[in-house]
């Protein structure tokens, strides 16, 4: 199905969604850092797993992934919310500190948990 929305509206929608997702991610990171300052990677892992679950839900719900609401929520909000670049920096920092095993375990766990969360979210839509 073709998207009747003007391309500028679509880009603005994705941009606004991205800003919203980024602010939510920042707030969660701040809260989790206050709760547990010794493990900053928990914030990154948390938002990536939750974001993976939510994108799975959206992908399972929307058959047409060109719909404005899908683009706003999945591409915009969740694109701003999840933090692959932050994960990469966290992993690099662990490698630079000589914590290669910790970095590898962290990467594998986040990828596995993200995949599992996305699959659960997708399957919850009974599609």
PDB file of N, CA and C in Angstrom:
ATOM      1  N   UNK A   1       0.843  -1.174   0.000  1.00  0.00           N
ATOM      2  CA  UNK A   1       0.000   0.000   0.000  1.00  0.00           C
ATOM      3  C   UNK A   1       0.890   1.239   0.000  1.00  0.00           C
ATOM      4  N   UNK A   2       0.558   2.204  -0.812  1.00  0.00           N
ATOM      5  CA  UNK A   2       1.356   3.407  -0.926  1.00  0.00           C
ATOM      6  C   UNK A   2       1.054   4.365   0.210  1.00  0.00           C
ATOM      7  N   UNK A   3       2.080   5.052   0.677  1.00  0.00           N
ATOM      8  CA  UNK A   3       1.956   6.009   1.761  1.00  0.00           C
ATOM      9  C   UNK A   3       1.498   7.346   1.184  1.00  0.00           C
ATOM     10  N   UNK A   4       0.268   7.820   1.550  1.00  0.00           N
ATOM     11  CA  UNK A   4      -0.233   9.072   0.999  1.00  0.00           C
ATOM     12  C   UNK A   4       0.385  10.301   1.668  1.00  0.00           C
ATOM     13  N   UNK A   5       1.171  10.121   2.710  1.00  0.00           N
ATOM     14  CA  UNK A   5       1.759  11.232   3.438  1.00  0.00           C
ATOM     15  C   UNK A   5       2.868  11.871   2.613  1.00  0.00           C
ATOM     16  N   UNK A   6       2.931  13.191   2.647  1.00  0.00           N
ATOM     17  CA  UNK A   6       3.979  13.930   1.943  1.00  0.00           C
ATOM     18  C   UNK A   6       5.342  13.543   2.518  1.00  0.00           C
ATOM     19  N   UNK A   7       6.357  13.397   1.661  1.00  0.00           N
ATOM     20  CA  UNK A   7       7.679  12.978   2.153  1.00  0.00           C
ATOM     21  C   UNK A   7       8.233  13.872   3.269  1.00  0.00           C
ATOM     22  N   UNK A   8       8.000  15.173   3.194  1.00  0.00           N
ATOM     23  CA  UNK A   8       8.494  16.078   4.240  1.00  0.00           C
ATOM     24  C   UNK A   8       7.847  15.731   5.575  1.00  0.00           C
ATOM     25  N   UNK A   9       6.551  15.435   5.569  1.00  0.00           N
ATOM     26  CA  UNK A   9       5.864  15.051   6.807  1.00  0.00           C
ATOM     27  C   UNK A   9       6.450  13.755   7.366  1.00  0.00           C
ATOM     28  N   UNK A  10       6.769  12.834   6.495  1.00  0.00           N
ATOM     29  CA  UNK A  10       7.353  11.567   6.931  1.00  0.00           C
ATOM     30  C   UNK A  10       8.709  11.805   7.589  1.00  0.00           C
ATOM     31  N   UNK A  11       9.558  12.595   6.952  1.00  0.00           N
ATOM     32  CA  UNK A  11      10.878  12.887   7.527  1.00  0.00           C
ATOM     33  C   UNK A  11      10.757  13.623   8.860  1.00  0.00           C
ATOM     34  N   UNK A  12       9.842  14.572   8.934  1.00  0.00           N
ATOM     35  CA  UNK A  12       9.638  15.292  10.198  1.00  0.00           C
ATOM     36  C   UNK A  12       9.134  14.357  11.286  1.00  0.00           C
ATOM     37  N   UNK A  13       8.244  13.466  10.916  1.00  0.00           N
ATOM     38  CA  UNK A  13       7.707  12.499  11.874  1.00  0.00           C
ATOM     39  C   UNK A  13       8.809  11.601  12.425  1.00  0.00           C
ATOM     40  N   UNK A  14       9.669  11.111  11.542  1.00  0.00           N
ATOM     41  CA  UNK A  14      10.783  10.257  11.976  1.00  0.00           C
ATOM     42  C   UNK A  14      11.751  11.066  12.840  1.00  0.00           C
ATOM     43  N   UNK A  15      12.024  12.300  12.456  1.00  0.00           N
ATOM     44  CA  UNK A  15      12.942  13.145  13.227  1.00  0.00           C
ATOM     45  C   UNK A  15      12.394  13.440  14.620  1.00  0.00           C
ATOM     46  N   UNK A  16      11.119  13.771  14.714  1.00  0.00           N
ATOM     47  CA  UNK A  16      10.499  14.035  16.018  1.00  0.00           C
ATOM     48  C   UNK A  16      10.506  12.768  16.862  1.00  0.00           C
ATOM     49  N   UNK A  17      10.184  11.641  16.236  1.00  0.00           N
ATOM     50  CA  UNK A  17      10.238  10.368  16.955  1.00  0.00           C
ATOM     51  C   UNK A  17      11.636  10.074  17.461  1.00  0.00           C
ATOM     52  N   UNK A  18      12.642  10.339  16.633  1.00  0.00           N
ATOM     53  CA  UNK A  18      14.027  10.129  17.043  1.00  0.00           C
ATOM     54  C   UNK A  18      14.405  10.988  18.235  1.00  0.00           C
ATOM     55  N   UNK A  19      13.949  12.232  18.231  1.00  0.00           N
ATOM     56  CA  UNK A  19      14.226  13.117  19.369  1.00  0.00           C
ATOM     57  C   UNK A  19      13.566  12.586  20.633  1.00  0.00           C
ATOM     58  N   UNK A  20      12.339  12.137  20.514  1.00  0.00           N
ATOM     59  CA  UNK A  20      11.622  11.577  21.667  1.00  0.00           C
ATOM     60  C   UNK A  20      12.356  10.350  22.199  1.00  0.00           C
ATOM     61  N   UNK A  21      12.722   9.446  21.312  1.00  0.00           N
ATOM     62  CA  UNK A  21      13.431   8.235  21.730  1.00  0.00           C
ATOM     63  C   UNK A  21      14.761   8.546  22.394  1.00  0.00           C
ATOM     64  N   UNK A  22      15.475   9.529  21.865  1.00  0.00           N
ATOM     65  CA  UNK A  22      16.763   9.906  22.452  1.00  0.00           C
ATOM     66  C   UNK A  22      16.602  10.472  23.853  1.00  0.00           C
ATOM     67  N   UNK A  23      15.593  11.300  24.045  1.00  0.00           N
ATOM     68  CA  UNK A  23      15.342  11.879  25.371  1.00  0.00           C
ATOM     69  C   UNK A  23      14.951  10.787  26.363  1.00  0.00           C
ATOM     70  N   UNK A  24      14.129   9.857  25.931  1.00  0.00           N
ATOM     71  CA  UNK A  24      13.740   8.744  26.815  1.00  0.00           C
ATOM     72  C   UNK A  24      14.973   7.915  27.180  1.00  0.00           C
ATOM     73  N   UNK A  25      15.808   7.615  26.188  1.00  0.00           N
ATOM     74  CA  UNK A  25      17.031   6.852  26.457  1.00  0.00           C
ATOM     75  C   UNK A  25      17.927   7.590  27.443  1.00  0.00           C
ATOM     76  N   UNK A  26      18.101   8.890  27.253  1.00  0.00           N
ATOM     77  CA  UNK A  26      18.943   9.681  28.144  1.00  0.00           C
ATOM     78  C   UNK A  26      18.392   9.661  29.569  1.00  0.00           C
ATOM     79  N   UNK A  27      17.081   9.819  29.714  1.00  0.00           N
ATOM     80  CA  UNK A  27      16.464   9.803  31.047  1.00  0.00           C
ATOM     81  C   UNK A  27      16.672   8.454  31.730  1.00  0.00           C
ATOM     82  N   UNK A  28      16.452   7.380  31.001  1.00  0.00           N
ATOM     83  CA  UNK A  28      16.648   6.040  31.572  1.00  0.00           C
ATOM     84  C   UNK A  28      18.111   5.842  31.961  1.00  0.00           C
ATOM     85  N   UNK A  29      19.022   6.289  31.116  1.00  0.00           N
ATOM     86  CA  UNK A  29      20.448   6.158  31.427  1.00  0.00           C
ATOM     87  C   UNK A  29      20.804   6.911  32.703  1.00  0.00           C
ATOM     88  N   UNK A  30      20.264   8.109  32.854  1.00  0.00           N
ATOM     89  CA  UNK A  30      20.537   8.898  34.055  1.00  0.00           C
ATOM     90  C   UNK A  30      19.991   8.216  35.306  1.00  0.00           C
ATOM     91  N   UNK A  31      18.780   7.717  35.214  1.00  0.00           N
ATOM     92  CA  UNK A  31      18.156   7.040  36.361  1.00  0.00           C
ATOM     93  C   UNK A  31      18.943   5.788  36.734  1.00  0.00           C
ATOM     94  N   UNK A  32      19.250   4.960  35.750  1.00  0.00           N
ATOM     95  CA  UNK A  32      19.972   3.719  36.037  1.00  0.00           C
ATOM     96  C   UNK A  32      21.394   3.984  36.526  1.00  0.00           C
ATOM     97  N   UNK A  33      22.003   5.055  36.042  1.00  0.00           N
ATOM     98  CA  UNK A  33      23.352   5.387  36.513  1.00  0.00           C
ATOM     99  C   UNK A  33      23.320   5.820  37.982  1.00  0.00           C
ATOM    100  N   UNK A  34      22.267   6.540  38.378  1.00  0.00           N
ATOM    101  CA  UNK A  34      22.141   6.925  39.792  1.00  0.00           C
ATOM    102  C   UNK A  34      21.920   5.705  40.672  1.00  0.00           C
ATOM    103  N   UNK A  35      21.137   4.762  40.174  1.00  0.00           N
ATOM    104  CA  UNK A  35      20.848   3.551  40.949  1.00  0.00           C
ATOM    105  C   UNK A  35      22.089   2.671  41.061  1.00  0.00           C
ATOM    106  N   UNK A  36      22.811   2.535  39.951  1.00  0.00           N
ATOM    107  CA  UNK A  36      23.952   1.621  39.930  1.00  0.00           C
ATOM    108  C   UNK A  36      25.114   2.250  39.148  1.00  0.00           C
ATOM    109  N   UNK A  37      25.855   3.184  39.761  1.00  0.00           N
ATOM    110  CA  UNK A  37      26.906   3.904  39.033  1.00  0.00           C
ATOM    111  C   UNK A  37      28.101   3.043  38.626  1.00  0.00           C
ATOM    112  N   UNK A  38      28.254   1.884  39.217  1.00  0.00           N
ATOM    113  CA  UNK A  38      29.401   1.029  38.898  1.00  0.00           C
ATOM    114  C   UNK A  38      29.224   0.208  37.626  1.00  0.00           C
ATOM    115  N   UNK A  39      28.024   0.191  37.077  1.00  0.00           N
ATOM    116  CA  UNK A  39      27.747  -0.631  35.892  1.00  0.00           C
ATOM    117  C   UNK A  39      26.976   0.178  34.841  1.00  0.00           C
ATOM    118  N   UNK A  40      27.638   1.152  34.193  1.00  0.00           N
ATOM    119  CA  UNK A  40      26.938   1.995  33.222  1.00  0.00           C
ATOM    120  C   UNK A  40      26.427   1.228  32.005  1.00  0.00           C
ATOM    121  N   UNK A  41      27.016   0.071  31.701  1.00  0.00           N
ATOM    122  CA  UNK A  41      26.574  -0.706  30.539  1.00  0.00           C
ATOM    123  C   UNK A  41      25.172  -1.273  30.734  1.00  0.00           C
ATOM    124  N   UNK A  42      24.686  -1.326  31.984  1.00  0.00           N
ATOM    125  CA  UNK A  42      23.330  -1.834  32.223  1.00  0.00           C
ATOM    126  C   UNK A  42      22.280  -0.953  31.559  1.00  0.00           C
ATOM    127  N   UNK A  43      22.521   0.350  31.521  1.00  0.00           N
ATOM    128  CA  UNK A  43      21.574   1.250  30.862  1.00  0.00           C
ATOM    129  C   UNK A  43      21.515   0.957  29.370  1.00  0.00           C
ATOM    130  N   UNK A  44      22.672   0.784  28.747  1.00  0.00           N
ATOM    131  CA  UNK A  44      22.724   0.481  27.315  1.00  0.00           C
ATOM    132  C   UNK A  44      22.041  -0.851  27.038  1.00  0.00           C
ATOM    133  N   UNK A  45      22.365  -1.853  27.838  1.00  0.00           N
ATOM    134  CA  UNK A  45      21.758  -3.172  27.652  1.00  0.00           C
ATOM    135  C   UNK A  45      20.248  -3.104  27.835  1.00  0.00           C
ATOM    136  N   UNK A  46      19.801  -2.380  28.849  1.00  0.00           N
ATOM    137  CA  UNK A  46      18.360  -2.286  29.134  1.00  0.00           C
ATOM    138  C   UNK A  46      17.599  -1.672  27.972  1.00  0.00           C
ATOM    139  N   UNK A  47      18.077  -0.525  27.469  1.00  0.00           N
ATOM    140  CA  UNK A  47      17.335   0.112  26.385  1.00  0.00           C
ATOM    141  C   UNK A  47      17.411  -0.709  25.102  1.00  0.00           C
ATOM    142  N   UNK A  48      18.526  -1.381  24.860  1.00  0.00           N
ATOM    143  CA  UNK A  48      18.612  -2.200  23.646  1.00  0.00           C
ATOM    144  C   UNK A  48      17.671  -3.394  23.694  1.00  0.00           C
ATOM    145  N   UNK A  49      17.558  -4.046  24.849  1.00  0.00           N
ATOM    146  CA  UNK A  49      16.656  -5.202  24.962  1.00  0.00           C
ATOM    147  C   UNK A  49      15.203  -4.741  24.894  1.00  0.00           C
ATOM    148  N   UNK A  50      14.861  -3.690  25.626  1.00  0.00           N
ATOM    149  CA  UNK A  50      13.483  -3.172  25.584  1.00  0.00           C
ATOM    150  C   UNK A  50      13.151  -2.685  24.176  1.00  0.00           C
ATOM    151  N   UNK A  51      14.076  -1.963  23.549  1.00  0.00           N
ATOM    152  CA  UNK A  51      13.850  -1.488  22.186  1.00  0.00           C
ATOM    153  C   UNK A  51      13.677  -2.625  21.198  1.00  0.00           C
ATOM    154  N   UNK A  52      14.442  -3.686  21.367  1.00  0.00           N
ATOM    155  CA  UNK A  52      14.304  -4.860  20.494  1.00  0.00           C
ATOM    156  C   UNK A  52      12.940  -5.509  20.664  1.00  0.00           C
ATOM    157  N   UNK A  53      12.493  -5.616  21.913  1.00  0.00           N
ATOM    158  CA  UNK A  53      11.166  -6.175  22.179  1.00  0.00           C
ATOM    159  C   UNK A  53      10.092  -5.317  21.513  1.00  0.00           C
ATOM    160  N   UNK A  54      10.178  -4.000  21.703  1.00  0.00           N
ATOM    161  CA  UNK A  54       9.158  -3.107  21.151  1.00  0.00           C
ATOM    162  C   UNK A  54       9.162  -3.095  19.629  1.00  0.00           C
ATOM    163  N   UNK A  55      10.340  -3.151  19.011  1.00  0.00           N
ATOM    164  CA  UNK A  55      10.360  -3.173  17.546  1.00  0.00           C
ATOM    165  C   UNK A  55       9.812  -4.495  17.022  1.00  0.00           C
ATOM    166  N   UNK A  56      10.006  -5.571  17.798  1.00  0.00           N
ATOM    167  CA  UNK A  56       9.390  -6.845  17.434  1.00  0.00           C
ATOM    168  C   UNK A  56       7.875  -6.756  17.470  1.00  0.00           C
ATOM    169  N   UNK A  57       7.354  -6.108  18.520  1.00  0.00           N
ATOM    170  CA  UNK A  57       5.898  -5.909  18.605  1.00  0.00           C
ATOM    171  C   UNK A  57       5.388  -5.116  17.407  1.00  0.00           C
ATOM    172  N   UNK A  58       6.059  -4.018  17.104  1.00  0.00           N
ATOM    173  CA  UNK A  58       5.617  -3.178  15.989  1.00  0.00           C
ATOM    174  C   UNK A  58       5.716  -3.905  14.656  1.00  0.00           C
ATOM    175  N   UNK A  59       6.807  -4.615  14.439  1.00  0.00           N
ATOM    176  CA  UNK A  59       6.981  -5.348  13.179  1.00  0.00           C
ATOM    177  C   UNK A  59       5.923  -6.430  13.027  1.00  0.00           C
ATOM    178  N   UNK A  60       5.541  -7.044  14.125  1.00  0.00           N
ATOM    179  CA  UNK A  60       4.503  -8.062  14.069  1.00  0.00           C
ATOM    180  C   UNK A  60       3.118  -7.481  13.858  1.00  0.00           C
ATOM    181  N   UNK A  61       2.909  -6.283  14.366  1.00  0.00           N
ATOM    182  CA  UNK A  61       1.586  -5.653  14.275  1.00  0.00           C
ATOM    183  C   UNK A  61       1.337  -5.018  12.908  1.00  0.00           C
ATOM    184  N   UNK A  62       2.328  -4.328  12.376  1.00  0.00           N
ATOM    185  CA  UNK A  62       2.154  -3.597  11.127  1.00  0.00           C
ATOM    186  C   UNK A  62       2.546  -4.473   9.945  1.00  0.00           C
ATOM    187  N   UNK A  63       1.579  -4.764   9.089  1.00  0.00           N
ATOM    188  CA  UNK A  63       1.895  -5.514   7.876  1.00  0.00           C
ATOM    189  C   UNK A  63       2.500  -4.586   6.821  1.00  0.00           C
ATOM    190  N   UNK A  64       2.117  -3.315   6.859  1.00  0.00           N
ATOM    191  CA  UNK A  64       2.661  -2.315   5.944  1.00  0.00           C
ATOM    192  C   UNK A  64       3.628  -1.438   6.732  1.00  0.00           C
ATOM    193  N   UNK A  65       4.898  -1.640   6.509  1.00  0.00           N
ATOM    194  CA  UNK A  65       5.902  -0.899   7.279  1.00  0.00           C
ATOM    195  C   UNK A  65       6.212   0.468   6.686  1.00  0.00           C
ATOM    196  N   UNK A  66       5.362   0.928   5.789  1.00  0.00           N
ATOM    197  CA  UNK A  66       5.468   2.290   5.272  1.00  0.00           C
ATOM    198  C   UNK A  66       4.409   3.196   5.877  1.00  0.00           C
ATOM    199  N   UNK A  67       3.610   2.660   6.795  1.00  0.00           N
ATOM    200  CA  UNK A  67       2.581   3.470   7.444  1.00  0.00           C
ATOM    201  C   UNK A  67       3.240   4.541   8.310  1.00  0.00           C
ATOM    202  N   UNK A  68       2.677   5.744   8.326  1.00  0.00           N
ATOM    203  CA  UNK A  68       3.271   6.833   9.104  1.00  0.00           C
ATOM    204  C   UNK A  68       3.476   6.498  10.585  1.00  0.00           C
ATOM    205  N   UNK A  69       2.538   5.810  11.209  1.00  0.00           N
ATOM    206  CA  UNK A  69       2.690   5.486  12.629  1.00  0.00           C
ATOM    207  C   UNK A  69       3.854   4.521  12.850  1.00  0.00           C
ATOM    208  N   UNK A  70       4.013   3.551  11.962  1.00  0.00           N
ATOM    209  CA  UNK A  70       5.148   2.626  12.075  1.00  0.00           C
ATOM    210  C   UNK A  70       6.462   3.389  11.912  1.00  0.00           C
ATOM    211  N   UNK A  71       6.538   4.242  10.905  1.00  0.00           N
ATOM    212  CA  UNK A  71       7.762   5.003  10.665  1.00  0.00           C
ATOM    213  C   UNK A  71       8.098   5.892  11.859  1.00  0.00           C
ATOM    214  N   UNK A  72       7.088   6.548  12.423  1.00  0.00           N
ATOM    215  CA  UNK A  72       7.286   7.405  13.596  1.00  0.00           C
ATOM    216  C   UNK A  72       7.785   6.596  14.788  1.00  0.00           C
ATOM    217  N   UNK A  73       7.113   5.471  15.058  1.00  0.00           N
ATOM    218  CA  UNK A  73       7.419   4.690  16.263  1.00  0.00           C
ATOM    219  C   UNK A  73       8.661   3.819  16.100  1.00  0.00           C
ATOM    220  N   UNK A  74       8.725   3.036  15.037  1.00  0.00           N
ATOM    221  CA  UNK A  74       9.823   2.071  14.883  1.00  0.00           C
ATOM    222  C   UNK A  74      11.116   2.742  14.428  1.00  0.00           C
ATOM    223  N   UNK A  75      11.026   3.524  13.373  1.00  0.00           N
ATOM    224  CA  UNK A  75      12.227   4.158  12.838  1.00  0.00           C
ATOM    225  C   UNK A  75      12.615   5.367  13.684  1.00  0.00           C
ATOM    226  N   UNK A  76      11.638   6.180  14.028  1.00  0.00           N
ATOM    227  CA  UNK A  76      11.911   7.384  14.805  1.00  0.00           C
ATOM    228  C   UNK A  76      12.196   7.119  16.267  1.00  0.00           C
ATOM    229  N   UNK A  77      11.150   6.788  17.025  1.00  0.00           N
ATOM    230  CA  UNK A  77      11.313   6.633  18.476  1.00  0.00           C
ATOM    231  C   UNK A  77      12.312   5.533  18.813  1.00  0.00           C
ATOM    232  N   UNK A  78      12.114   4.347  18.277  1.00  0.00           N
ATOM    233  CA  UNK A  78      13.003   3.239  18.643  1.00  0.00           C
ATOM    234  C   UNK A  78      14.397   3.388  18.042  1.00  0.00           C
ATOM    235  N   UNK A  79      14.489   4.050  16.894  1.00  0.00           N
ATOM    236  CA  UNK A  79      15.808   4.342  16.338  1.00  0.00           C
ATOM    237  C   UNK A  79      16.601   5.282  17.236  1.00  0.00           C
ATOM    238  N   UNK A  80      15.908   6.261  17.826  1.00  0.00           N
ATOM    239  CA  UNK A  80      16.566   7.159  18.773  1.00  0.00           C
ATOM    240  C   UNK A  80      16.774   6.526  20.133  1.00  0.00           C
ATOM    241  N   UNK A  81      15.908   5.598  20.476  1.00  0.00           N
ATOM    242  CA  UNK A  81      15.935   4.968  21.802  1.00  0.00           C
ATOM    243  C   UNK A  81      17.046   3.933  21.930  1.00  0.00           C
ATOM    244  N   UNK A  82      17.206   3.079  20.926  1.00  0.00           N
ATOM    245  CA  UNK A  82      18.228   2.036  21.019  1.00  0.00           C
ATOM    246  C   UNK A  82      19.599   2.641  20.738  1.00  0.00           C
ATOM    247  N   UNK A  83      20.631   1.942  21.154  1.00  0.00           N
ATOM    248  CA  UNK A  83      21.933   2.592  21.237  1.00  0.00           C
ATOM    249  C   UNK A  83      23.070   1.723  20.727  1.00  0.00           C
ATOM    250  N   UNK A  84      23.015   1.317  19.496  1.00  0.00           N
ATOM    251  CA  UNK A  84      24.102   0.478  19.000  1.00  0.00           C
ATOM    252  C   UNK A  84      25.431   1.214  19.029  1.00  0.00           C
ATOM    253  N   UNK A  85      25.412   2.498  18.712  1.00  0.00           N
ATOM    254  CA  UNK A  85      26.670   3.244  18.752  1.00  0.00           C
ATOM    255  C   UNK A  85      27.200   3.338  20.178  1.00  0.00           C
ATOM    256  N   UNK A  86      26.325   3.488  21.141  1.00  0.00           N
ATOM    257  CA  UNK A  86      26.752   3.502  22.548  1.00  0.00           C
ATOM    258  C   UNK A  86      27.302   2.141  22.950  1.00  0.00           C
ATOM    259  N   UNK A  87      26.669   1.082  22.480  1.00  0.00           N
ATOM    260  CA  UNK A  87      27.170  -0.268  22.753  1.00  0.00           C
ATOM    261  C   UNK A  87      28.585  -0.415  22.193  1.00  0.00           C
ATOM    262  N   UNK A  88      28.790   0.043  20.984  1.00  0.00           N
ATOM    263  CA  UNK A  88      30.114  -0.056  20.366  1.00  0.00           C
ATOM    264  C   UNK A  88      31.165   0.676  21.192  1.00  0.00           C
ATOM    265  N   UNK A  89      30.825   1.857  21.678  1.00  0.00           N
ATOM    266  CA  UNK A  89      31.764   2.615  22.495  1.00  0.00           C
ATOM    267  C   UNK A  89      32.029   1.913  23.824  1.00  0.00           C
ATOM    268  N   UNK A  90      30.984   1.371  24.446  1.00  0.00           N
ATOM    269  CA  UNK A  90      31.164   0.617  25.694  1.00  0.00           C
ATOM    270  C   UNK A  90      32.111  -0.566  25.479  1.00  0.00           C
ATOM    271  N   UNK A  91      31.910  -1.288  24.390  1.00  0.00           N
ATOM    272  CA  UNK A  91      32.760  -2.446  24.103  1.00  0.00           C
ATOM    273  C   UNK A  91      34.207  -2.018  23.854  1.00  0.00           C
ATOM    274  N   UNK A  92      34.383  -0.952  23.090  1.00  0.00           N
ATOM    275  CA  UNK A  92      35.725  -0.440  22.829  1.00  0.00           C
ATOM    276  C   UNK A  92      36.416  -0.050  24.135  1.00  0.00           C
ATOM    277  N   UNK A  93      35.679   0.601  25.024  1.00  0.00           N
ATOM    278  CA  UNK A  93      36.238   1.004  26.318  1.00  0.00           C
ATOM    279  C   UNK A  93      36.707  -0.205  27.110  1.00  0.00           C
ATOM    280  N   UNK A  94      35.902  -1.269  27.114  1.00  0.00           N
ATOM    281  CA  UNK A  94      36.311  -2.491  27.818  1.00  0.00           C
ATOM    282  C   UNK A  94      37.574  -3.086  27.200  1.00  0.00           C
ATOM    283  N   UNK A  95      37.646  -3.108  25.870  1.00  0.00           N
ATOM    284  CA  UNK A  95      38.854  -3.618  25.209  1.00  0.00           C
ATOM    285  C   UNK A  95      40.069  -2.764  25.565  1.00  0.00           C
ATOM    286  N   UNK A  96      39.885  -1.444  25.565  1.00  0.00           N
ATOM    287  CA  UNK A  96      40.996  -0.548  25.882  1.00  0.00           C
ATOM    288  C   UNK A  96      41.478  -0.713  27.321  1.00  0.00           C
ATOM    289  N   UNK A  97      40.587  -1.125  28.204  1.00  0.00           N
ATOM    290  CA  UNK A  97      40.951  -1.355  29.607  1.00  0.00           C
ATOM    291  C   UNK A  97      41.487  -2.767  29.834  1.00  0.00           C
ATOM    292  N   UNK A  98      41.637  -3.522  28.757  1.00  0.00           N
ATOM    293  CA  UNK A  98      42.136  -4.885  28.881  1.00  0.00           C
ATOM    294  C   UNK A  98      41.088  -5.876  29.355  1.00  0.00           C
ATOM    295  N   UNK A  99      39.826  -5.519  29.201  1.00  0.00           N
ATOM    296  CA  UNK A  99      38.718  -6.366  29.647  1.00  0.00           C
ATOM    297  C   UNK A  99      38.034  -7.017  28.445  1.00  0.00           C
ATOM    298  N   UNK A 100      38.821  -7.700  27.633  1.00  0.00           N
ATOM    299  CA  UNK A 100      38.301  -8.294  26.399  1.00  0.00           C
ATOM    300  C   UNK A 100      37.202  -9.313  26.678  1.00  0.00           C
ATOM    301  N   UNK A 101      37.393 -10.158  27.672  1.00  0.00           N
ATOM    302  CA  UNK A 101      36.375 -11.177  27.975  1.00  0.00           C
ATOM    303  C   UNK A 101      35.063 -10.516  28.367  1.00  0.00           C
ATOM    304  N   UNK A 102      35.144  -9.466  29.164  1.00  0.00           N
ATOM    305  CA  UNK A 102      33.930  -8.758  29.579  1.00  0.00           C
ATOM    306  C   UNK A 102      33.233  -8.146  28.358  1.00  0.00           C
ATOM    307  N   UNK A 103      34.007  -7.559  27.457  1.00  0.00           N
ATOM    308  CA  UNK A 103      33.442  -6.950  26.255  1.00  0.00           C
ATOM    309  C   UNK A 103      32.748  -7.993  25.384  1.00  0.00           C
ATOM    310  N   UNK A 104      33.386  -9.131  25.189  1.00  0.00           N
ATOM    311  CA  UNK A 104      32.815 -10.183  24.337  1.00  0.00           C
ATOM    312  C   UNK A 104      31.541 -10.752  24.955  1.00  0.00           C
ATOM    313  N   UNK A 105      31.566 -11.014  26.255  1.00  0.00           N
ATOM    314  CA  UNK A 105      30.365 -11.527  26.936  1.00  0.00           C
ATOM    315  C   UNK A 105      29.241 -10.511  26.850  1.00  0.00           C
ATOM    316  N   UNK A 106      29.558  -9.241  27.080  1.00  0.00           N
ATOM    317  CA  UNK A 106      28.565  -8.175  27.006  1.00  0.00           C
ATOM    318  C   UNK A 106      27.943  -8.114  25.612  1.00  0.00           C
ATOM    319  N   UNK A 107      28.783  -8.150  24.578  1.00  0.00           N
ATOM    320  CA  UNK A 107      28.284  -8.084  23.202  1.00  0.00           C
ATOM    321  C   UNK A 107      27.386  -9.271  22.875  1.00  0.00           C
ATOM    322  N   UNK A 108      27.838 -10.466  23.210  1.00  0.00           N
ATOM    323  CA  UNK A 108      27.052 -11.666  22.904  1.00  0.00           C
ATOM    324  C   UNK A 108      25.724 -11.672  23.655  1.00  0.00           C
ATOM    325  N   UNK A 109      25.756 -11.279  24.927  1.00  0.00           N
ATOM    326  CA  UNK A 109      24.512 -11.243  25.706  1.00  0.00           C
ATOM    327  C   UNK A 109      23.531 -10.229  25.136  1.00  0.00           C
ATOM    328  N   UNK A 110      24.023  -9.039  24.792  1.00  0.00           N
ATOM    329  CA  UNK A 110      23.113  -8.020  24.272  1.00  0.00           C
ATOM    330  C   UNK A 110      22.519  -8.423  22.929  1.00  0.00           C
ATOM    331  N   UNK A 111      23.326  -9.025  22.073  1.00  0.00           N
ATOM    332  CA  UNK A 111      22.801  -9.474  20.779  1.00  0.00           C
ATOM    333  C   UNK A 111      21.783 -10.593  20.986  1.00  0.00           C
ATOM    334  N   UNK A 112      22.116 -11.563  21.819  1.00  0.00           N
ATOM    335  CA  UNK A 112      21.196 -12.684  22.068  1.00  0.00           C
ATOM    336  C   UNK A 112      19.909 -12.201  22.726  1.00  0.00           C
ATOM    337  N   UNK A 113      20.032 -11.373  23.763  1.00  0.00           N
ATOM    338  CA  UNK A 113      18.834 -10.884  24.448  1.00  0.00           C
ATOM    339  C   UNK A 113      17.995  -9.998  23.538  1.00  0.00           C
ATOM    340  N   UNK A 114      18.657  -9.185  22.706  1.00  0.00           N
ATOM    341  CA  UNK A 114      17.921  -8.351  21.756  1.00  0.00           C
ATOM    342  C   UNK A 114      17.154  -9.187  20.748  1.00  0.00           C
ATOM    343  N   UNK A 115      17.780 -10.224  20.226  1.00  0.00           N
ATOM    344  CA  UNK A 115      17.122 -11.118  19.273  1.00  0.00           C
ATOM    345  C   UNK A 115      15.944 -11.834  19.921  1.00  0.00           C
ATOM    346  N   UNK A 116      16.145 -12.339  21.127  1.00  0.00           N
ATOM    347  CA  UNK A 116      15.064 -13.027  21.851  1.00  0.00           C
ATOM    348  C   UNK A 116      13.918 -12.063  22.131  1.00  0.00           C
ATOM    349  N   UNK A 117      14.244 -10.846  22.587  1.00  0.00           N
ATOM    350  CA  UNK A 117      13.202  -9.861  22.890  1.00  0.00           C
ATOM    351  C   UNK A 117      12.413  -9.485  21.636  1.00  0.00           C
ATOM    352  N   UNK A 118      13.104  -9.299  20.509  1.00  0.00           N
ATOM    353  CA  UNK A 118      12.412  -8.972  19.258  1.00  0.00           C
ATOM    354  C   UNK A 118      11.496 -10.113  18.829  1.00  0.00           C
ATOM    355  N   UNK A 119      11.960 -11.348  18.963  1.00  0.00           N
ATOM    356  CA  UNK A 119      11.139 -12.510  18.595  1.00  0.00           C
ATOM    357  C   UNK A 119       9.915 -12.624  19.493  1.00  0.00           C
ATOM    358  N   UNK A 120      10.094 -12.410  20.788  1.00  0.00           N
ATOM    359  CA  UNK A 120       8.948 -12.460  21.709  1.00  0.00           C
ATOM    360  C   UNK A 120       7.948 -11.378  21.352  1.00  0.00           C
ATOM    361  N   UNK A 121       8.437 -10.162  21.139  1.00  0.00           N
ATOM    362  CA  UNK A 121       7.541  -9.070  20.762  1.00  0.00           C
ATOM    363  C   UNK A 121       6.788  -9.368  19.481  1.00  0.00           C
ATOM    364  N   UNK A 122       7.488  -9.877  18.486  1.00  0.00           N
ATOM    365  CA  UNK A 122       6.865 -10.217  17.208  1.00  0.00           C
ATOM    366  C   UNK A 122       5.808 -11.299  17.397  1.00  0.00           C
ATOM    367  N   UNK A 123       6.144 -12.339  18.151  1.00  0.00           N
ATOM    368  CA  UNK A 123       5.218 -13.460  18.341  1.00  0.00           C
ATOM    369  C   UNK A 123       4.014 -13.111  19.204  1.00  0.00           C
ATOM    370  N   UNK A 124       4.126 -12.095  20.042  1.00  0.00           N
ATOM    371  CA  UNK A 124       2.983 -11.678  20.854  1.00  0.00           C
ATOM    372  C   UNK A 124       1.851 -11.096  20.021  1.00  0.00           C
ATOM    373  N   UNK A 125       2.156 -10.714  18.798  1.00  0.00           N
ATOM    374  CA  UNK A 125       1.107 -10.174  17.936  1.00  0.00           C
ATOM    375  C   UNK A 125       0.289 -11.271  17.271  1.00  0.00           C
ATOM    376  N   UNK A 126       0.653 -12.531  17.522  1.00  0.00           N
ATOM    377  CA  UNK A 126      -0.075 -13.692  16.977  1.00  0.00           C
ATOM    378  C   UNK A 126      -0.176 -13.656  15.470  1.00  0.00           C
ATOM    379  N   UNK A 127       0.837 -13.202  14.820  1.00  0.00           N
ATOM    380  CA  UNK A 127       0.849 -13.104  13.369  1.00  0.00           C
ATOM    381  C   UNK A 127       1.328 -14.351  12.724  1.00  0.00           C
TER     382      UNK A 127
END
